[in-house]
Amino acid sequence: MWDGHTALEHKVVKGPETRDGFSFCLTHASLSDNRKFFVFHIASDKPLSEFARKWLSLMGLQNFNACPYLEQRPCFWKAIEVPSLLGDSWAHFQQVDFVHRSFDQLCQNFSKALSELEEASQVLADVGLSL
């Protein structure tokens, strides 16, 4: 299974950027089987609560113990595969633009969204429900 950090070619596209106690980095990876990915990396300045870890897992983020892009801190990462666009430069531009805008939104809103999800988890726990 691929760990999101090692690849035939792996380069930083954006970041690292730090906001509200979290660091973010966007990389591009090429695997030996010709698949290509954009990878979002997120690290926290403080240990994450159990609720936060569960929410990150539910969102499909995976844990990596020593992120080379975020000062060897533990990170959570998610990869988005780049489909083969067979020479369609406009579609490629649209996809790259979407990934860049998504990364910017992630940096701006992640801390607040995670805090709100943790509050929702507590409300669920108060009525006997859990993740």
N, C-alpha and C. Protein backbone atom coordinates (compact mmCIF):
# COMPACT_ATOMS: atom_id res chain seq x y z
N MET A 1 0.84 -1.19 0.00
CA MET A 1 0.00 0.00 0.00
C MET A 1 0.88 1.24 0.00
N TRP A 2 0.51 2.22 -0.79
CA TRP A 2 1.28 3.45 -0.93
C TRP A 2 1.09 4.34 0.30
N ASP A 3 2.16 4.97 0.78
CA ASP A 3 2.09 5.76 2.02
C ASP A 3 1.87 7.25 1.78
N GLY A 4 1.71 7.68 0.52
CA GLY A 4 1.44 9.09 0.23
C GLY A 4 2.66 9.99 0.25
N HIS A 5 3.81 9.46 0.63
CA HIS A 5 5.00 10.30 0.78
C HIS A 5 6.18 9.82 -0.06
N THR A 6 6.23 8.57 -0.39
CA THR A 6 7.32 8.05 -1.20
C THR A 6 6.78 7.74 -2.59
N ALA A 7 7.51 8.15 -3.59
CA ALA A 7 7.08 7.94 -4.97
C ALA A 7 8.29 8.04 -5.88
N LEU A 8 8.10 7.62 -7.11
CA LEU A 8 9.16 7.73 -8.11
C LEU A 8 9.58 9.19 -8.23
N GLU A 9 8.59 10.08 -8.26
CA GLU A 9 8.83 11.52 -8.27
C GLU A 9 7.81 12.14 -7.34
N HIS A 10 8.27 13.02 -6.46
CA HIS A 10 7.38 13.66 -5.48
C HIS A 10 7.90 15.08 -5.28
N LYS A 11 7.07 16.08 -5.59
CA LYS A 11 7.54 17.46 -5.44
C LYS A 11 6.46 18.31 -4.77
N VAL A 12 6.91 19.33 -4.06
CA VAL A 12 6.01 20.26 -3.39
C VAL A 12 5.41 21.19 -4.43
N VAL A 13 4.08 21.32 -4.40
CA VAL A 13 3.36 22.21 -5.29
C VAL A 13 3.03 23.52 -4.57
N LYS A 14 2.56 23.41 -3.33
CA LYS A 14 2.21 24.58 -2.52
C LYS A 14 2.52 24.29 -1.06
N GLY A 15 3.00 25.32 -0.36
CA GLY A 15 3.25 25.18 1.06
C GLY A 15 4.71 24.90 1.33
N PRO A 16 5.02 24.51 2.54
CA PRO A 16 4.11 24.38 3.66
C PRO A 16 3.58 25.74 4.13
N GLU A 17 2.35 25.69 4.60
CA GLU A 17 1.64 26.86 5.09
C GLU A 17 1.07 26.54 6.46
N THR A 18 1.19 27.49 7.40
CA THR A 18 0.70 27.26 8.77
C THR A 18 -0.41 28.25 9.08
N ARG A 19 -1.52 27.70 9.61
CA ARG A 19 -2.66 28.53 10.03
C ARG A 19 -3.36 27.87 11.21
N ASP A 20 -3.67 28.66 12.21
CA ASP A 20 -4.50 28.22 13.34
C ASP A 20 -4.03 26.90 13.96
N GLY A 21 -2.72 26.73 14.10
CA GLY A 21 -2.20 25.53 14.76
C GLY A 21 -2.06 24.31 13.87
N PHE A 22 -2.28 24.47 12.56
CA PHE A 22 -2.12 23.37 11.62
C PHE A 22 -1.18 23.81 10.50
N SER A 23 -0.44 22.84 9.97
CA SER A 23 0.42 23.07 8.82
C SER A 23 -0.10 22.24 7.65
N PHE A 24 0.00 22.83 6.45
CA PHE A 24 -0.54 22.19 5.25
C PHE A 24 0.51 22.21 4.15
N CYS A 25 0.51 21.18 3.35
CA CYS A 25 1.39 21.12 2.19
C CYS A 25 0.68 20.35 1.08
N LEU A 26 0.86 20.79 -0.15
CA LEU A 26 0.30 20.11 -1.31
C LEU A 26 1.47 19.63 -2.16
N THR A 27 1.48 18.33 -2.45
CA THR A 27 2.55 17.77 -3.27
C THR A 27 1.96 17.06 -4.48
N HIS A 28 2.82 16.77 -5.44
CA HIS A 28 2.44 16.00 -6.63
C HIS A 28 3.35 14.78 -6.66
N ALA A 29 2.74 13.61 -6.84
CA ALA A 29 3.50 12.37 -6.82
C ALA A 29 3.27 11.58 -8.10
N SER A 30 4.34 10.98 -8.61
CA SER A 30 4.25 10.07 -9.75
C SER A 30 4.73 8.71 -9.28
N LEU A 31 3.87 7.69 -9.44
CA LEU A 31 4.23 6.34 -9.03
C LEU A 31 4.83 5.58 -10.20
N SER A 32 5.47 4.46 -9.89
CA SER A 32 6.15 3.69 -10.93
C SER A 32 5.18 3.09 -11.94
N ASP A 33 3.90 2.95 -11.60
CA ASP A 33 2.92 2.40 -12.54
C ASP A 33 2.25 3.50 -13.38
N ASN A 34 2.87 4.68 -13.42
CA ASN A 34 2.42 5.84 -14.20
C ASN A 34 1.21 6.56 -13.63
N ARG A 35 0.71 6.15 -12.46
CA ARG A 35 -0.37 6.91 -11.84
C ARG A 35 0.22 8.16 -11.20
N LYS A 36 -0.55 9.24 -11.23
CA LYS A 36 -0.12 10.52 -10.67
C LYS A 36 -1.17 10.99 -9.68
N PHE A 37 -0.70 11.67 -8.63
CA PHE A 37 -1.58 12.12 -7.55
C PHE A 37 -1.20 13.51 -7.09
N PHE A 38 -2.20 14.27 -6.64
CA PHE A 38 -1.97 15.41 -5.77
C PHE A 38 -2.20 14.90 -4.36
N VAL A 39 -1.31 15.26 -3.43
CA VAL A 39 -1.41 14.78 -2.06
C VAL A 39 -1.51 15.97 -1.11
N PHE A 40 -2.55 15.97 -0.29
CA PHE A 40 -2.75 16.98 0.74
C PHE A 40 -2.17 16.44 2.04
N HIS A 41 -1.27 17.19 2.69
CA HIS A 41 -0.65 16.80 3.95
C HIS A 41 -1.08 17.80 5.02
N ILE A 42 -1.48 17.31 6.20
CA ILE A 42 -1.93 18.17 7.30
C ILE A 42 -1.26 17.69 8.58
N ALA A 43 -0.62 18.62 9.31
CA ALA A 43 -0.01 18.29 10.61
C ALA A 43 -0.51 19.29 11.63
N SER A 44 -0.64 18.83 12.87
CA SER A 44 -1.10 19.68 13.96
C SER A 44 0.07 20.05 14.86
N ASP A 45 0.01 21.27 15.41
CA ASP A 45 1.04 21.69 16.37
C ASP A 45 0.88 20.98 17.70
N LYS A 46 -0.35 20.51 18.00
CA LYS A 46 -0.64 19.83 19.27
C LYS A 46 -1.18 18.44 18.98
N PRO A 47 -1.09 17.54 19.94
CA PRO A 47 -1.71 16.23 19.73
C PRO A 47 -3.22 16.40 19.50
N LEU A 48 -3.75 15.62 18.57
CA LEU A 48 -5.17 15.71 18.25
C LEU A 48 -5.99 14.85 19.19
N SER A 49 -7.19 15.32 19.49
CA SER A 49 -8.09 14.56 20.34
C SER A 49 -8.56 13.30 19.62
N GLU A 50 -9.13 12.38 20.38
CA GLU A 50 -9.67 11.15 19.80
C GLU A 50 -10.79 11.49 18.81
N PHE A 51 -11.63 12.48 19.16
CA PHE A 51 -12.70 12.90 18.25
C PHE A 51 -12.11 13.38 16.92
N ALA A 52 -11.08 14.23 16.99
CA ALA A 52 -10.47 14.76 15.77
C ALA A 52 -9.89 13.64 14.92
N ARG A 53 -9.23 12.69 15.55
CA ARG A 53 -8.64 11.57 14.82
C ARG A 53 -9.73 10.74 14.13
N LYS A 54 -10.84 10.54 14.81
CA LYS A 54 -11.94 9.78 14.20
C LYS A 54 -12.52 10.52 13.00
N TRP A 55 -12.72 11.85 13.14
CA TRP A 55 -13.26 12.62 12.03
C TRP A 55 -12.32 12.60 10.84
N LEU A 56 -11.03 12.74 11.07
CA LEU A 56 -10.06 12.70 9.98
C LEU A 56 -10.10 11.35 9.27
N SER A 57 -10.23 10.29 10.04
CA SER A 57 -10.35 8.96 9.46
C SER A 57 -11.63 8.82 8.63
N LEU A 58 -12.75 9.33 9.15
CA LEU A 58 -14.00 9.29 8.41
C LEU A 58 -13.92 10.07 7.11
N MET A 59 -13.10 11.11 7.07
CA MET A 59 -12.93 11.90 5.86
C MET A 59 -11.95 11.25 4.89
N GLY A 60 -11.40 10.10 5.25
CA GLY A 60 -10.51 9.38 4.36
C GLY A 60 -9.05 9.78 4.45
N LEU A 61 -8.68 10.54 5.49
CA LEU A 61 -7.28 10.89 5.67
C LEU A 61 -6.55 9.76 6.38
N GLN A 62 -5.32 9.53 5.98
CA GLN A 62 -4.50 8.47 6.57
C GLN A 62 -3.35 9.09 7.36
N ASN A 63 -2.89 8.37 8.35
CA ASN A 63 -1.83 8.85 9.22
C ASN A 63 -0.46 8.45 8.67
N PHE A 64 0.52 9.34 8.82
CA PHE A 64 1.91 9.07 8.47
C PHE A 64 2.76 9.61 9.60
N ASN A 65 3.69 8.83 10.13
CA ASN A 65 4.38 9.18 11.37
C ASN A 65 5.41 10.29 11.27
N ALA A 66 6.06 10.47 10.14
CA ALA A 66 7.12 11.48 10.04
C ALA A 66 7.10 12.11 8.65
N CYS A 67 6.29 13.14 8.49
CA CYS A 67 6.11 13.78 7.18
C CYS A 67 7.35 14.58 6.78
N PRO A 68 7.98 14.23 5.67
CA PRO A 68 9.16 14.97 5.25
C PRO A 68 8.85 16.39 4.78
N TYR A 69 7.58 16.69 4.53
CA TYR A 69 7.19 18.02 4.06
C TYR A 69 6.77 18.94 5.19
N LEU A 70 6.54 18.37 6.39
CA LEU A 70 6.09 19.16 7.53
C LEU A 70 6.98 18.89 8.75
N GLU A 71 8.28 19.09 8.56
CA GLU A 71 9.29 19.00 9.62
C GLU A 71 9.30 17.68 10.37
N GLN A 72 9.07 16.59 9.67
CA GLN A 72 9.09 15.23 10.23
C GLN A 72 8.04 15.01 11.31
N ARG A 73 7.01 15.87 11.35
CA ARG A 73 5.93 15.68 12.31
C ARG A 73 4.95 14.64 11.78
N PRO A 74 4.19 14.00 12.67
CA PRO A 74 3.13 13.11 12.19
C PRO A 74 2.13 13.93 11.38
N CYS A 75 1.65 13.37 10.29
CA CYS A 75 0.68 14.09 9.49
C CYS A 75 -0.47 13.17 9.11
N PHE A 76 -1.51 13.79 8.61
CA PHE A 76 -2.62 13.09 7.98
C PHE A 76 -2.60 13.51 6.52
N TRP A 77 -2.86 12.57 5.63
CA TRP A 77 -2.75 12.88 4.22
C TRP A 77 -3.88 12.23 3.44
N LYS A 78 -4.16 12.83 2.30
CA LYS A 78 -5.15 12.28 1.37
C LYS A 78 -4.66 12.56 -0.04
N ALA A 79 -4.74 11.55 -0.89
CA ALA A 79 -4.30 11.69 -2.28
C ALA A 79 -5.50 11.73 -3.21
N ILE A 80 -5.37 12.56 -4.22
CA ILE A 80 -6.39 12.64 -5.27
C ILE A 80 -5.70 12.26 -6.58
N GLU A 81 -6.18 11.19 -7.20
CA GLU A 81 -5.54 10.73 -8.43
C GLU A 81 -5.81 11.70 -9.58
N VAL A 82 -4.78 11.91 -10.38
CA VAL A 82 -4.88 12.77 -11.56
C VAL A 82 -5.22 11.85 -12.73
N PRO A 83 -6.43 11.98 -13.29
CA PRO A 83 -6.77 11.10 -14.41
C PRO A 83 -5.99 11.46 -15.66
N SER A 84 -5.81 10.48 -16.51
CA SER A 84 -5.16 10.74 -17.79
C SER A 84 -6.11 11.57 -18.65
N LEU A 85 -5.66 12.72 -19.06
CA LEU A 85 -6.53 13.62 -19.83
C LEU A 85 -6.18 13.62 -21.32
N LEU A 86 -5.24 12.79 -21.72
CA LEU A 86 -4.89 12.56 -23.12
C LEU A 86 -4.84 13.83 -23.97
N GLY A 87 -4.00 14.76 -23.56
CA GLY A 87 -3.76 15.94 -24.36
C GLY A 87 -4.79 17.05 -24.24
N ASP A 88 -5.80 16.87 -23.40
CA ASP A 88 -6.81 17.91 -23.22
C ASP A 88 -6.28 18.94 -22.23
N SER A 89 -5.61 19.97 -22.74
CA SER A 89 -4.94 20.94 -21.86
C SER A 89 -5.94 21.75 -21.06
N TRP A 90 -7.14 22.02 -21.60
CA TRP A 90 -8.14 22.80 -20.85
C TRP A 90 -8.63 21.99 -19.65
N ALA A 91 -8.92 20.72 -19.84
CA ALA A 91 -9.37 19.87 -18.73
C ALA A 91 -8.28 19.76 -17.68
N HIS A 92 -7.03 19.65 -18.12
CA HIS A 92 -5.91 19.57 -17.18
C HIS A 92 -5.81 20.87 -16.37
N PHE A 93 -5.92 22.00 -17.05
CA PHE A 93 -5.89 23.29 -16.36
C PHE A 93 -7.02 23.37 -15.33
N GLN A 94 -8.22 22.95 -15.70
CA GLN A 94 -9.37 23.00 -14.78
C GLN A 94 -9.11 22.13 -13.56
N GLN A 95 -8.55 20.96 -13.75
CA GLN A 95 -8.28 20.07 -12.63
C GLN A 95 -7.22 20.67 -11.70
N VAL A 96 -6.15 21.18 -12.26
CA VAL A 96 -5.09 21.78 -11.45
C VAL A 96 -5.63 22.99 -10.70
N ASP A 97 -6.43 23.81 -11.37
CA ASP A 97 -7.03 24.97 -10.73
C ASP A 97 -7.93 24.54 -9.57
N PHE A 98 -8.72 23.49 -9.77
CA PHE A 98 -9.60 22.97 -8.71
C PHE A 98 -8.78 22.52 -7.50
N VAL A 99 -7.69 21.80 -7.73
CA VAL A 99 -6.86 21.32 -6.63
C VAL A 99 -6.24 22.49 -5.87
N HIS A 100 -5.76 23.49 -6.58
CA HIS A 100 -5.16 24.66 -5.93
C HIS A 100 -6.20 25.41 -5.10
N ARG A 101 -7.41 25.61 -5.64
CA ARG A 101 -8.45 26.29 -4.89
C ARG A 101 -8.87 25.46 -3.68
N SER A 102 -8.94 24.15 -3.84
CA SER A 102 -9.29 23.27 -2.71
C SER A 102 -8.25 23.37 -1.61
N PHE A 103 -6.98 23.39 -1.98
CA PHE A 103 -5.91 23.53 -1.00
C PHE A 103 -6.04 24.86 -0.24
N ASP A 104 -6.29 25.94 -0.97
CA ASP A 104 -6.45 27.25 -0.32
C ASP A 104 -7.62 27.24 0.66
N GLN A 105 -8.74 26.63 0.27
CA GLN A 105 -9.90 26.54 1.15
C GLN A 105 -9.61 25.67 2.37
N LEU A 106 -8.87 24.59 2.16
CA LEU A 106 -8.48 23.72 3.27
C LEU A 106 -7.69 24.52 4.30
N CYS A 107 -6.70 25.27 3.85
CA CYS A 107 -5.88 26.06 4.76
C CYS A 107 -6.71 27.09 5.52
N GLN A 108 -7.64 27.72 4.84
CA GLN A 108 -8.43 28.78 5.45
C GLN A 108 -9.48 28.25 6.43
N ASN A 109 -10.03 27.08 6.18
CA ASN A 109 -11.21 26.63 6.91
C ASN A 109 -11.04 25.37 7.76
N PHE A 110 -9.91 24.72 7.68
CA PHE A 110 -9.75 23.43 8.33
C PHE A 110 -9.93 23.49 9.85
N SER A 111 -9.25 24.42 10.49
CA SER A 111 -9.30 24.50 11.95
C SER A 111 -10.73 24.72 12.44
N LYS A 112 -11.43 25.66 11.82
CA LYS A 112 -12.81 25.95 12.22
C LYS A 112 -13.71 24.74 11.97
N ALA A 113 -13.58 24.11 10.82
CA ALA A 113 -14.42 22.95 10.50
C ALA A 113 -14.16 21.81 11.48
N LEU A 114 -12.90 21.55 11.80
CA LEU A 114 -12.58 20.47 12.73
C LEU A 114 -13.14 20.77 14.12
N SER A 115 -13.05 22.02 14.54
CA SER A 115 -13.61 22.43 15.82
C SER A 115 -15.13 22.20 15.85
N GLU A 116 -15.80 22.56 14.78
CA GLU A 116 -17.26 22.38 14.71
C GLU A 116 -17.63 20.90 14.68
N LEU A 117 -16.82 20.08 14.01
CA LEU A 117 -17.08 18.64 14.01
C LEU A 117 -16.89 18.05 15.41
N GLU A 118 -15.89 18.55 16.14
CA GLU A 118 -15.69 18.07 17.51
C GLU A 118 -16.86 18.46 18.40
N GLU A 119 -17.38 19.68 18.21
CA GLU A 119 -18.56 20.09 18.97
C GLU A 119 -19.75 19.20 18.64
N ALA A 120 -19.92 18.87 17.37
CA ALA A 120 -21.00 17.98 16.96
C ALA A 120 -20.83 16.60 17.59
N SER A 121 -19.60 16.13 17.69
CA SER A 121 -19.33 14.84 18.32
C SER A 121 -19.76 14.85 19.78
N GLN A 122 -19.50 15.97 20.46
CA GLN A 122 -19.88 16.08 21.87
C GLN A 122 -21.40 16.09 22.02
N VAL A 123 -22.11 16.78 21.15
CA VAL A 123 -23.57 16.79 21.17
C VAL A 123 -24.10 15.36 20.97
N LEU A 124 -23.49 14.65 20.03
CA LEU A 124 -23.91 13.25 19.79
C LEU A 124 -23.64 12.40 21.03
N ALA A 125 -22.49 12.59 21.64
CA ALA A 125 -22.14 11.81 22.83
C ALA A 125 -23.10 12.10 23.98
N ASP A 126 -23.55 13.36 24.09
CA ASP A 126 -24.47 13.74 25.17
C ASP A 126 -25.82 13.02 25.06
N VAL A 127 -26.18 12.60 23.85
CA VAL A 127 -27.45 11.89 23.67
C VAL A 127 -27.22 10.39 23.43
N GLY A 128 -26.01 9.91 23.73
CA GLY A 128 -25.73 8.48 23.67
C GLY A 128 -25.30 7.96 22.31
N LEU A 129 -24.96 8.85 21.39
CA LEU A 129 -24.48 8.42 20.07
C LEU A 129 -22.98 8.71 19.96
N SER A 130 -22.30 7.90 19.18
CA SER A 130 -20.86 8.14 19.00
C SER A 130 -20.46 7.76 17.59
N LEU A 131 -19.26 8.19 17.23
CA LEU A 131 -18.72 7.87 15.90
C LEU A 131 -18.34 6.41 15.83
